[in-house]
Amino acid sequence: AQIFSNLLSNAAQHTPAGTKVQVSAGFTADRHVQVQVADNGPGIDERITDTLFDRFVRADSARQPGESSGLGLAIVKTLTEALGGSVTGENRATSGAIFTLTLPLS
């Protein structure tokens, strides 16, 4: 629940009002469940793509205290890996960002 809460909160917090957020889920051929959270917002700032899942990473250093701790995606990664899965985040080809969470079924 924490993983999904953080991914959805991240989408809501870092995209403009009216941004469409889409969640989809399915199974992979190698017995994993895959969940994607995609938005049509401004996408991931290229300056932080390599450190996106590190602790305290924030795209906008001008944010006011309390707006974002920069821990949400780090928590997502830690919990996902503890469950034997993986998570990626990247810019979509059109616009926005897409986060892909893959977890084993067992």
PDB file of N, CA and C in Angstrom:
ATOM      1  N   ALA A   1       0.830  -1.191   0.000  1.00  0.00           N
ATOM      2  CA  ALA A   1       0.000   0.000   0.000  1.00  0.00           C
ATOM      3  C   ALA A   1       0.880   1.263   0.000  1.00  0.00           C
ATOM      4  N   GLN A   2       1.989   1.223   0.741  1.00  0.00           N
ATOM      5  CA  GLN A   2       2.877   2.384   0.802  1.00  0.00           C
ATOM      6  C   GLN A   2       3.492   2.691  -0.558  1.00  0.00           C
ATOM      7  N   ILE A   3       3.841   1.658  -1.299  1.00  0.00           N
ATOM      8  CA  ILE A   3       4.434   1.848  -2.619  1.00  0.00           C
ATOM      9  C   ILE A   3       3.459   2.593  -3.523  1.00  0.00           C
ATOM     10  N   PHE A   4       2.221   2.124  -3.576  1.00  0.00           N
ATOM     11  CA  PHE A   4       1.233   2.743  -4.460  1.00  0.00           C
ATOM     12  C   PHE A   4       0.855   4.133  -3.982  1.00  0.00           C
ATOM     13  N   SER A   5       0.755   4.296  -2.685  1.00  0.00           N
ATOM     14  CA  SER A   5       0.449   5.615  -2.131  1.00  0.00           C
ATOM     15  C   SER A   5       1.524   6.621  -2.523  1.00  0.00           C
ATOM     16  N   ASN A   6       2.786   6.228  -2.416  1.00  0.00           N
ATOM     17  CA  ASN A   6       3.887   7.133  -2.757  1.00  0.00           C
ATOM     18  C   ASN A   6       3.921   7.449  -4.249  1.00  0.00           C
ATOM     19  N   LEU A   7       3.707   6.438  -5.102  1.00  0.00           N
ATOM     20  CA  LEU A   7       3.724   6.684  -6.541  1.00  0.00           C
ATOM     21  C   LEU A   7       2.593   7.625  -6.952  1.00  0.00           C
ATOM     22  N   LEU A   8       1.402   7.412  -6.401  1.00  0.00           N
ATOM     23  CA  LEU A   8       0.262   8.263  -6.756  1.00  0.00           C
ATOM     24  C   LEU A   8       0.406   9.661  -6.157  1.00  0.00           C
ATOM     25  N   SER A   9       0.908   9.744  -4.938  1.00  0.00           N
ATOM     26  CA  SER A   9       1.142  11.053  -4.324  1.00  0.00           C
ATOM     27  C   SER A   9       2.190  11.838  -5.117  1.00  0.00           C
ATOM     28  N   ASN A  10       3.209  11.144  -5.571  1.00  0.00           N
ATOM     29  CA  ASN A  10       4.260  11.772  -6.360  1.00  0.00           C
ATOM     30  C   ASN A  10       3.668  12.356  -7.649  1.00  0.00           C
ATOM     31  N   ALA A  11       2.818  11.600  -8.305  1.00  0.00           N
ATOM     32  CA  ALA A  11       2.183  12.089  -9.536  1.00  0.00           C
ATOM     33  C   ALA A  11       1.320  13.310  -9.244  1.00  0.00           C
ATOM     34  N   ALA A  12       0.563  13.263  -8.172  1.00  0.00           N
ATOM     35  CA  ALA A  12      -0.318  14.389  -7.831  1.00  0.00           C
ATOM     36  C   ALA A  12       0.482  15.625  -7.436  1.00  0.00           C
ATOM     37  N   GLN A  13       1.569  15.417  -6.739  1.00  0.00           N
ATOM     38  CA  GLN A  13       2.355  16.531  -6.206  1.00  0.00           C
ATOM     39  C   GLN A  13       3.233  17.213  -7.260  1.00  0.00           C
ATOM     40  N   HIS A  14       3.668  16.456  -8.245  1.00  0.00           N
ATOM     41  CA  HIS A  14       4.662  16.992  -9.180  1.00  0.00           C
ATOM     42  C   HIS A  14       4.127  17.216 -10.589  1.00  0.00           C
ATOM     43  N   THR A  15       2.815  17.287 -10.720  1.00  0.00           N
ATOM     44  CA  THR A  15       2.213  17.608 -12.005  1.00  0.00           C
ATOM     45  C   THR A  15       1.186  18.720 -11.804  1.00  0.00           C
ATOM     46  N   PRO A  16       0.935  19.500 -12.827  1.00  0.00           N
ATOM     47  CA  PRO A  16      -0.041  20.590 -12.702  1.00  0.00           C
ATOM     48  C   PRO A  16      -1.466  20.069 -12.518  1.00  0.00           C
ATOM     49  N   ALA A  17      -2.313  20.905 -11.959  1.00  0.00           N
ATOM     50  CA  ALA A  17      -3.733  20.560 -11.812  1.00  0.00           C
ATOM     51  C   ALA A  17      -4.291  20.212 -13.190  1.00  0.00           C
ATOM     52  N   GLY A  18      -5.142  19.197 -13.223  1.00  0.00           N
ATOM     53  CA  GLY A  18      -5.744  18.775 -14.480  1.00  0.00           C
ATOM     54  C   GLY A  18      -4.941  17.741 -15.231  1.00  0.00           C
ATOM     55  N   THR A  19      -3.775  17.378 -14.712  1.00  0.00           N
ATOM     56  CA  THR A  19      -2.952  16.354 -15.356  1.00  0.00           C
ATOM     57  C   THR A  19      -3.637  15.001 -15.218  1.00  0.00           C
ATOM     58  N   LYS A  20      -3.668  14.264 -16.299  1.00  0.00           N
ATOM     59  CA  LYS A  20      -4.254  12.925 -16.284  1.00  0.00           C
ATOM     60  C   LYS A  20      -3.211  11.929 -15.762  1.00  0.00           C
ATOM     61  N   VAL A  21      -3.612  11.125 -14.776  1.00  0.00           N
ATOM     62  CA  VAL A  21      -2.753  10.068 -14.243  1.00  0.00           C
ATOM     63  C   VAL A  21      -3.465   8.745 -14.501  1.00  0.00           C
ATOM     64  N   GLN A  22      -2.766   7.827 -15.122  1.00  0.00           N
ATOM     65  CA  GLN A  22      -3.351   6.542 -15.485  1.00  0.00           C
ATOM     66  C   GLN A  22      -2.573   5.423 -14.795  1.00  0.00           C
ATOM     67  N   VAL A  23      -3.316   4.492 -14.192  1.00  0.00           N
ATOM     68  CA  VAL A  23      -2.713   3.327 -13.547  1.00  0.00           C
ATOM     69  C   VAL A  23      -3.163   2.094 -14.313  1.00  0.00           C
ATOM     70  N   SER A  24      -2.214   1.249 -14.667  1.00  0.00           N
ATOM     71  CA  SER A  24      -2.546  -0.002 -15.351  1.00  0.00           C
ATOM     72  C   SER A  24      -1.765  -1.134 -14.703  1.00  0.00           C
ATOM     73  N   ALA A  25      -2.298  -2.340 -14.814  1.00  0.00           N
ATOM     74  CA  ALA A  25      -1.648  -3.502 -14.214  1.00  0.00           C
ATOM     75  C   ALA A  25      -1.835  -4.709 -15.119  1.00  0.00           C
ATOM     76  N   GLY A  26      -0.875  -5.613 -15.041  1.00  0.00           N
ATOM     77  CA  GLY A  26      -0.954  -6.841 -15.828  1.00  0.00           C
ATOM     78  C   GLY A  26       0.105  -7.818 -15.361  1.00  0.00           C
ATOM     79  N   PHE A  27       0.176  -8.933 -16.055  1.00  0.00           N
ATOM     80  CA  PHE A  27       1.139  -9.971 -15.724  1.00  0.00           C
ATOM     81  C   PHE A  27       2.158 -10.110 -16.846  1.00  0.00           C
ATOM     82  N   THR A  28       3.398 -10.419 -16.473  1.00  0.00           N
ATOM     83  CA  THR A  28       4.440 -10.658 -17.461  1.00  0.00           C
ATOM     84  C   THR A  28       4.547 -12.160 -17.706  1.00  0.00           C
ATOM     85  N   ALA A  29       5.224 -12.526 -18.777  1.00  0.00           N
ATOM     86  CA  ALA A  29       5.385 -13.937 -19.126  1.00  0.00           C
ATOM     87  C   ALA A  29       6.201 -14.700 -18.087  1.00  0.00           C
ATOM     88  N   ASP A  30       7.047 -13.997 -17.346  1.00  0.00           N
ATOM     89  CA  ASP A  30       7.894 -14.673 -16.360  1.00  0.00           C
ATOM     90  C   ASP A  30       7.320 -14.611 -14.939  1.00  0.00           C
ATOM     91  N   ARG A  31       5.998 -14.625 -14.826  1.00  0.00           N
ATOM     92  CA  ARG A  31       5.272 -14.721 -13.553  1.00  0.00           C
ATOM     93  C   ARG A  31       5.545 -13.546 -12.613  1.00  0.00           C
ATOM     94  N   HIS A  32       5.447 -12.363 -13.141  1.00  0.00           N
ATOM     95  CA  HIS A  32       5.530 -11.138 -12.355  1.00  0.00           C
ATOM     96  C   HIS A  32       4.273 -10.313 -12.606  1.00  0.00           C
ATOM     97  N   VAL A  33       3.939  -9.496 -11.646  1.00  0.00           N
ATOM     98  CA  VAL A  33       2.883  -8.518 -11.855  1.00  0.00           C
ATOM     99  C   VAL A  33       3.567  -7.190 -12.149  1.00  0.00           C
ATOM    100  N   GLN A  34       3.017  -6.457 -13.099  1.00  0.00           N
ATOM    101  CA  GLN A  34       3.601  -5.182 -13.473  1.00  0.00           C
ATOM    102  C   GLN A  34       2.534  -4.096 -13.385  1.00  0.00           C
ATOM    103  N   VAL A  35       2.858  -3.039 -12.666  1.00  0.00           N
ATOM    104  CA  VAL A  35       1.953  -1.911 -12.496  1.00  0.00           C
ATOM    105  C   VAL A  35       2.649  -0.677 -13.045  1.00  0.00           C
ATOM    106  N   GLN A  36       1.912   0.106 -13.818  1.00  0.00           N
ATOM    107  CA  GLN A  36       2.460   1.342 -14.360  1.00  0.00           C
ATOM    108  C   GLN A  36       1.609   2.524 -13.921  1.00  0.00           C
ATOM    109  N   VAL A  37       2.281   3.576 -13.509  1.00  0.00           N
ATOM    110  CA  VAL A  37       1.636   4.852 -13.188  1.00  0.00           C
ATOM    111  C   VAL A  37       2.199   5.862 -14.175  1.00  0.00           C
ATOM    112  N   ALA A  38       1.333   6.353 -15.046  1.00  0.00           N
ATOM    113  CA  ALA A  38       1.768   7.271 -16.107  1.00  0.00           C
ATOM    114  C   ALA A  38       0.979   8.565 -16.024  1.00  0.00           C
ATOM    115  N   ASP A  39       1.622   9.652 -16.374  1.00  0.00           N
ATOM    116  CA  ASP A  39       0.930  10.942 -16.396  1.00  0.00           C
ATOM    117  C   ASP A  39       1.286  11.688 -17.676  1.00  0.00           C
ATOM    118  N   ASN A  40       0.520  12.716 -17.967  1.00  0.00           N
ATOM    119  CA  ASN A  40       0.802  13.536 -19.142  1.00  0.00           C
ATOM    120  C   ASN A  40       1.284  14.926 -18.729  1.00  0.00           C
ATOM    121  N   GLY A  41       1.973  14.984 -17.597  1.00  0.00           N
ATOM    122  CA  GLY A  41       2.511  16.242 -17.085  1.00  0.00           C
ATOM    123  C   GLY A  41       3.811  16.621 -17.764  1.00  0.00           C
ATOM    124  N   PRO A  42       4.616  17.433 -17.094  1.00  0.00           N
ATOM    125  CA  PRO A  42       5.850  17.944 -17.703  1.00  0.00           C
ATOM    126  C   PRO A  42       6.978  16.918 -17.788  1.00  0.00           C
ATOM    127  N   GLY A  43       6.844  15.771 -17.172  1.00  0.00           N
ATOM    128  CA  GLY A  43       7.897  14.760 -17.225  1.00  0.00           C
ATOM    129  C   GLY A  43       8.916  14.940 -16.120  1.00  0.00           C
ATOM    130  N   ILE A  44       9.919  14.104 -16.139  1.00  0.00           N
ATOM    131  CA  ILE A  44      10.975  14.098 -15.121  1.00  0.00           C
ATOM    132  C   ILE A  44      12.089  15.027 -15.573  1.00  0.00           C
ATOM    133  N   ASP A  45      12.495  15.900 -14.694  1.00  0.00           N
ATOM    134  CA  ASP A  45      13.591  16.817 -14.984  1.00  0.00           C
ATOM    135  C   ASP A  45      14.838  15.994 -15.316  1.00  0.00           C
ATOM    136  N   GLU A  46      15.412  16.224 -16.480  1.00  0.00           N
ATOM    137  CA  GLU A  46      16.574  15.440 -16.916  1.00  0.00           C
ATOM    138  C   GLU A  46      17.776  15.560 -15.992  1.00  0.00           C
ATOM    139  N   ARG A  47      17.825  16.618 -15.180  1.00  0.00           N
ATOM    140  CA  ARG A  47      18.950  16.784 -14.256  1.00  0.00           C
ATOM    141  C   ARG A  47      18.936  15.748 -13.143  1.00  0.00           C
ATOM    142  N   ILE A  48      17.783  15.111 -12.897  1.00  0.00           N
ATOM    143  CA  ILE A  48      17.710  14.158 -11.782  1.00  0.00           C
ATOM    144  C   ILE A  48      17.392  12.727 -12.214  1.00  0.00           C
ATOM    145  N   THR A  49      17.374  12.443 -13.505  1.00  0.00           N
ATOM    146  CA  THR A  49      16.986  11.096 -13.942  1.00  0.00           C
ATOM    147  C   THR A  49      17.913  10.013 -13.387  1.00  0.00           C
ATOM    148  N   ASP A  50      19.183  10.300 -13.255  1.00  0.00           N
ATOM    149  CA  ASP A  50      20.123   9.292 -12.751  1.00  0.00           C
ATOM    150  C   ASP A  50      20.018   9.077 -11.244  1.00  0.00           C
ATOM    151  N   THR A  51      19.439  10.035 -10.532  1.00  0.00           N
ATOM    152  CA  THR A  51      19.358   9.948  -9.074  1.00  0.00           C
ATOM    153  C   THR A  51      17.915   9.944  -8.587  1.00  0.00           C
ATOM    154  N   LEU A  52      16.988   9.685  -9.473  1.00  0.00           N
ATOM    155  CA  LEU A  52      15.559   9.794  -9.194  1.00  0.00           C
ATOM    156  C   LEU A  52      15.128   9.051  -7.937  1.00  0.00           C
ATOM    157  N   PHE A  53      15.695   7.884  -7.686  1.00  0.00           N
ATOM    158  CA  PHE A  53      15.285   7.055  -6.553  1.00  0.00           C
ATOM    159  C   PHE A  53      16.200   7.196  -5.342  1.00  0.00           C
ATOM    160  N   ASP A  54      17.118   8.153  -5.387  1.00  0.00           N
ATOM    161  CA  ASP A  54      17.981   8.409  -4.233  1.00  0.00           C
ATOM    162  C   ASP A  54      17.227   9.211  -3.179  1.00  0.00           C
ATOM    163  N   ARG A  55      17.686   9.123  -1.951  1.00  0.00           N
ATOM    164  CA  ARG A  55      17.047   9.887  -0.869  1.00  0.00           C
ATOM    165  C   ARG A  55      17.310  11.377  -1.029  1.00  0.00           C
ATOM    166  N   PHE A  56      16.297  12.157  -0.694  1.00  0.00           N
ATOM    167  CA  PHE A  56      16.348  13.619  -0.655  1.00  0.00           C
ATOM    168  C   PHE A  56      16.521  14.284  -2.022  1.00  0.00           C
ATOM    169  N   VAL A  57      16.236  13.552  -3.096  1.00  0.00           N
ATOM    170  CA  VAL A  57      16.311  14.138  -4.431  1.00  0.00           C
ATOM    171  C   VAL A  57      15.001  14.868  -4.710  1.00  0.00           C
ATOM    172  N   ARG A  58      15.137  16.115  -5.115  1.00  0.00           N
ATOM    173  CA  ARG A  58      13.969  16.927  -5.470  1.00  0.00           C
ATOM    174  C   ARG A  58      14.271  17.641  -6.775  1.00  0.00           C
ATOM    175  N   ALA A  59      13.306  17.641  -7.662  1.00  0.00           N
ATOM    176  CA  ALA A  59      13.511  18.287  -8.959  1.00  0.00           C
ATOM    177  C   ALA A  59      13.588  19.796  -8.820  1.00  0.00           C
ATOM    178  N   ASP A  60      12.850  20.340  -7.866  1.00  0.00           N
ATOM    179  CA  ASP A  60      12.784  21.787  -7.731  1.00  0.00           C
ATOM    180  C   ASP A  60      13.362  22.185  -6.381  1.00  0.00           C
ATOM    181  N   SER A  61      14.596  22.639  -6.371  1.00  0.00           N
ATOM    182  CA  SER A  61      15.237  23.005  -5.106  1.00  0.00           C
ATOM    183  C   SER A  61      14.621  24.255  -4.500  1.00  0.00           C
ATOM    184  N   ALA A  62      13.783  24.947  -5.255  1.00  0.00           N
ATOM    185  CA  ALA A  62      13.136  26.165  -4.746  1.00  0.00           C
ATOM    186  C   ALA A  62      11.858  25.857  -3.969  1.00  0.00           C
ATOM    187  N   ARG A  63      11.485  24.590  -3.887  1.00  0.00           N
ATOM    188  CA  ARG A  63      10.276  24.235  -3.141  1.00  0.00           C
ATOM    189  C   ARG A  63      10.403  24.685  -1.699  1.00  0.00           C
ATOM    190  N   GLN A  64       9.291  25.009  -1.123  1.00  0.00           N
ATOM    191  CA  GLN A  64       9.259  25.431   0.266  1.00  0.00           C
ATOM    192  C   GLN A  64       9.362  24.213   1.181  1.00  0.00           C
ATOM    193  N   PRO A  65       9.936  24.365   2.380  1.00  0.00           N
ATOM    194  CA  PRO A  65       9.997  23.258   3.323  1.00  0.00           C
ATOM    195  C   PRO A  65       8.595  22.704   3.575  1.00  0.00           C
ATOM    196  N   GLY A  66       8.507  21.393   3.647  1.00  0.00           N
ATOM    197  CA  GLY A  66       7.223  20.760   3.903  1.00  0.00           C
ATOM    198  C   GLY A  66       6.494  20.342   2.638  1.00  0.00           C
ATOM    199  N   GLU A  67       6.902  20.875   1.489  1.00  0.00           N
ATOM    200  CA  GLU A  67       6.245  20.504   0.236  1.00  0.00           C
ATOM    201  C   GLU A  67       6.681  19.123  -0.231  1.00  0.00           C
ATOM    202  N   SER A  68       7.933  18.800  -0.086  1.00  0.00           N
ATOM    203  CA  SER A  68       8.449  17.522  -0.546  1.00  0.00           C
ATOM    204  C   SER A  68       9.742  17.225   0.193  1.00  0.00           C
ATOM    205  N   SER A  69       9.815  16.030   0.754  1.00  0.00           N
ATOM    206  CA  SER A  69      11.031  15.661   1.476  1.00  0.00           C
ATOM    207  C   SER A  69      12.065  15.028   0.561  1.00  0.00           C
ATOM    208  N   GLY A  70      11.623  14.576  -0.607  1.00  0.00           N
ATOM    209  CA  GLY A  70      12.538  13.881  -1.496  1.00  0.00           C
ATOM    210  C   GLY A  70      12.765  12.441  -1.090  1.00  0.00           C
ATOM    211  N   LEU A  71      11.861  11.899  -0.266  1.00  0.00           N
ATOM    212  CA  LEU A  71      11.999  10.515   0.194  1.00  0.00           C
ATOM    213  C   LEU A  71      11.016   9.550  -0.454  1.00  0.00           C
ATOM    214  N   GLY A  72       9.964  10.041  -1.063  1.00  0.00           N
ATOM    215  CA  GLY A  72       8.901   9.181  -1.579  1.00  0.00           C
ATOM    216  C   GLY A  72       9.371   8.099  -2.525  1.00  0.00           C
ATOM    217  N   LEU A  73      10.131   8.477  -3.544  1.00  0.00           N
ATOM    218  CA  LEU A  73      10.590   7.485  -4.518  1.00  0.00           C
ATOM    219  C   LEU A  73      11.689   6.592  -3.946  1.00  0.00           C
ATOM    220  N   ALA A  74      12.474   7.096  -3.022  1.00  0.00           N
ATOM    221  CA  ALA A  74      13.475   6.254  -2.356  1.00  0.00           C
ATOM    222  C   ALA A  74      12.780   5.154  -1.556  1.00  0.00           C
ATOM    223  N   ILE A  75      11.682   5.503  -0.906  1.00  0.00           N
ATOM    224  CA  ILE A  75      10.901   4.514  -0.152  1.00  0.00           C
ATOM    225  C   ILE A  75      10.301   3.495  -1.106  1.00  0.00           C
ATOM    226  N   VAL A  76       9.778   3.966  -2.234  1.00  0.00           N
ATOM    227  CA  VAL A  76       9.225   3.057  -3.242  1.00  0.00           C
ATOM    228  C   VAL A  76      10.275   2.036  -3.663  1.00  0.00           C
ATOM    229  N   LYS A  77      11.470   2.509  -3.964  1.00  0.00           N
ATOM    230  CA  LYS A  77      12.537   1.607  -4.411  1.00  0.00           C
ATOM    231  C   LYS A  77      12.928   0.614  -3.320  1.00  0.00           C
ATOM    232  N   THR A  78      13.103   1.105  -2.111  1.00  0.00           N
ATOM    233  CA  THR A  78      13.512   0.237  -1.004  1.00  0.00           C
ATOM    234  C   THR A  78      12.483  -0.860  -0.753  1.00  0.00           C
ATOM    235  N   LEU A  79      11.212  -0.494  -0.686  1.00  0.00           N
ATOM    236  CA  LEU A  79      10.155  -1.480  -0.427  1.00  0.00           C
ATOM    237  C   LEU A  79      10.007  -2.458  -1.593  1.00  0.00           C
ATOM    238  N   THR A  80      10.089  -1.944  -2.801  1.00  0.00           N
ATOM    239  CA  THR A  80       9.962  -2.796  -3.980  1.00  0.00           C
ATOM    240  C   THR A  80      11.083  -3.826  -4.023  1.00  0.00           C
ATOM    241  N   GLU A  81      12.298  -3.394  -3.779  1.00  0.00           N
ATOM    242  CA  GLU A  81      13.431  -4.320  -3.795  1.00  0.00           C
ATOM    243  C   GLU A  81      13.349  -5.314  -2.641  1.00  0.00           C
ATOM    244  N   ALA A  82      12.823  -4.894  -1.494  1.00  0.00           N
ATOM    245  CA  ALA A  82      12.649  -5.809  -0.360  1.00  0.00           C
ATOM    246  C   ALA A  82      11.652  -6.922  -0.695  1.00  0.00           C
ATOM    247  N   LEU A  83      10.741  -6.640  -1.607  1.00  0.00           N
ATOM    248  CA  LEU A  83       9.759  -7.632  -2.039  1.00  0.00           C
ATOM    249  C   LEU A  83      10.251  -8.435  -3.250  1.00  0.00           C
ATOM    250  N   GLY A  84      11.493  -8.214  -3.661  1.00  0.00           N
ATOM    251  CA  GLY A  84      12.072  -8.954  -4.773  1.00  0.00           C
ATOM    252  C   GLY A  84      11.749  -8.374  -6.132  1.00  0.00           C
ATOM    253  N   GLY A  85      11.342  -7.126  -6.173  1.00  0.00           N
ATOM    254  CA  GLY A  85      10.948  -6.503  -7.432  1.00  0.00           C
ATOM    255  C   GLY A  85      11.871  -5.392  -7.865  1.00  0.00           C
ATOM    256  N   SER A  86      11.395  -4.634  -8.846  1.00  0.00           N
ATOM    257  CA  SER A  86      12.160  -3.510  -9.362  1.00  0.00           C
ATOM    258  C   SER A  86      11.203  -2.384  -9.741  1.00  0.00           C
ATOM    259  N   VAL A  87      11.738  -1.179  -9.835  1.00  0.00           N
ATOM    260  CA  VAL A  87      10.943  -0.024 -10.232  1.00  0.00           C
ATOM    261  C   VAL A  87      11.807   0.874 -11.108  1.00  0.00           C
ATOM    262  N   THR A  88      11.180   1.428 -12.134  1.00  0.00           N
ATOM    263  CA  THR A  88      11.864   2.367 -13.008  1.00  0.00           C
ATOM    264  C   THR A  88      10.996   3.603 -13.171  1.00  0.00           C
ATOM    265  N   GLY A  89      11.623   4.689 -13.526  1.00  0.00           N
ATOM    266  CA  GLY A  89      10.921   5.923 -13.827  1.00  0.00           C
ATOM    267  C   GLY A  89      11.587   6.581 -15.011  1.00  0.00           C
ATOM    268  N   GLU A  90      10.786   7.001 -15.975  1.00  0.00           N
ATOM    269  CA  GLU A  90      11.353   7.619 -17.167  1.00  0.00           C
ATOM    270  C   GLU A  90      10.334   8.540 -17.804  1.00  0.00           C
ATOM    271  N   ASN A  91      10.807   9.372 -18.694  1.00  0.00           N
ATOM    272  CA  ASN A  91       9.922  10.234 -19.456  1.00  0.00           C
ATOM    273  C   ASN A  91       9.252   9.421 -20.552  1.00  0.00           C
ATOM    274  N   ARG A  92       7.989   9.724 -20.789  1.00  0.00           N
ATOM    275  CA  ARG A  92       7.257   9.065 -21.868  1.00  0.00           C
ATOM    276  C   ARG A  92       7.685   9.667 -23.200  1.00  0.00           C
ATOM    277  N   ALA A  93       7.465   8.940 -24.274  1.00  0.00           N
ATOM    278  CA  ALA A  93       7.835   9.417 -25.611  1.00  0.00           C
ATOM    279  C   ALA A  93       7.033  10.659 -25.992  1.00  0.00           C
ATOM    280  N   THR A  94       5.781  10.716 -25.565  1.00  0.00           N
ATOM    281  CA  THR A  94       4.932  11.854 -25.923  1.00  0.00           C
ATOM    282  C   THR A  94       5.124  12.987 -24.931  1.00  0.00           C
ATOM    283  N   SER A  95       4.541  12.864 -23.769  1.00  0.00           N
ATOM    284  CA  SER A  95       4.745  13.847 -22.701  1.00  0.00           C
ATOM    285  C   SER A  95       4.446  13.172 -21.378  1.00  0.00           C
ATOM    286  N   GLY A  96       5.049  13.675 -20.341  1.00  0.00           N
ATOM    287  CA  GLY A  96       4.813  13.112 -19.018  1.00  0.00           C
ATOM    288  C   GLY A  96       5.841  12.082 -18.620  1.00  0.00           C
ATOM    289  N   ALA A  97       5.526  11.394 -17.534  1.00  0.00           N
ATOM    290  CA  ALA A  97       6.428  10.392 -16.969  1.00  0.00           C
ATOM    291  C   ALA A  97       5.687   9.078 -16.799  1.00  0.00           C
ATOM    292  N   ILE A  98       6.453   8.000 -16.717  1.00  0.00           N
ATOM    293  CA  ILE A  98       5.871   6.693 -16.460  1.00  0.00           C
ATOM    294  C   ILE A  98       6.762   5.943 -15.474  1.00  0.00           C
ATOM    295  N   PHE A  99       6.145   5.418 -14.448  1.00  0.00           N
ATOM    296  CA  PHE A  99       6.836   4.611 -13.447  1.00  0.00           C
ATOM    297  C   PHE A  99       6.324   3.186 -13.590  1.00  0.00           C
ATOM    298  N   THR A 100       7.249   2.241 -13.686  1.00  0.00           N
ATOM    299  CA  THR A 100       6.903   0.842 -13.866  1.00  0.00           C
ATOM    300  C   THR A 100       7.409   0.046 -12.672  1.00  0.00           C
ATOM    301  N   LEU A 101       6.493  -0.608 -12.007  1.00  0.00           N
ATOM    302  CA  LEU A 101       6.773  -1.426 -10.831  1.00  0.00           C
ATOM    303  C   LEU A 101       6.585  -2.884 -11.222  1.00  0.00           C
ATOM    304  N   THR A 102       7.578  -3.717 -10.978  1.00  0.00           N
ATOM    305  CA  THR A 102       7.495  -5.139 -11.297  1.00  0.00           C
ATOM    306  C   THR A 102       7.769  -5.936 -10.034  1.00  0.00           C
ATOM    307  N   LEU A 103       6.822  -6.824  -9.696  1.00  0.00           N
ATOM    308  CA  LEU A 103       6.947  -7.647  -8.493  1.00  0.00           C
ATOM    309  C   LEU A 103       6.706  -9.109  -8.822  1.00  0.00           C
ATOM    310  N   PRO A 104       7.436 -10.030  -8.163  1.00  0.00           N
ATOM    311  CA  PRO A 104       7.169 -11.450  -8.383  1.00  0.00           C
ATOM    312  C   PRO A 104       5.802 -11.821  -7.799  1.00  0.00           C
ATOM    313  N   LEU A 105       5.151 -12.805  -8.411  1.00  0.00           N
ATOM    314  CA  LEU A 105       3.841 -13.231  -7.940  1.00  0.00           C
ATOM    315  C   LEU A 105       3.929 -13.973  -6.610  1.00  0.00           C
ATOM    316  N   SER A 106       5.033 -14.637  -6.349  1.00  0.00           N
ATOM    317  CA  SER A 106       5.129 -15.406  -5.107  1.00  0.00           C
ATOM    318  C   SER A 106       5.443 -14.527  -3.914  1.00  0.00           C
TER     319      SER A 106
END
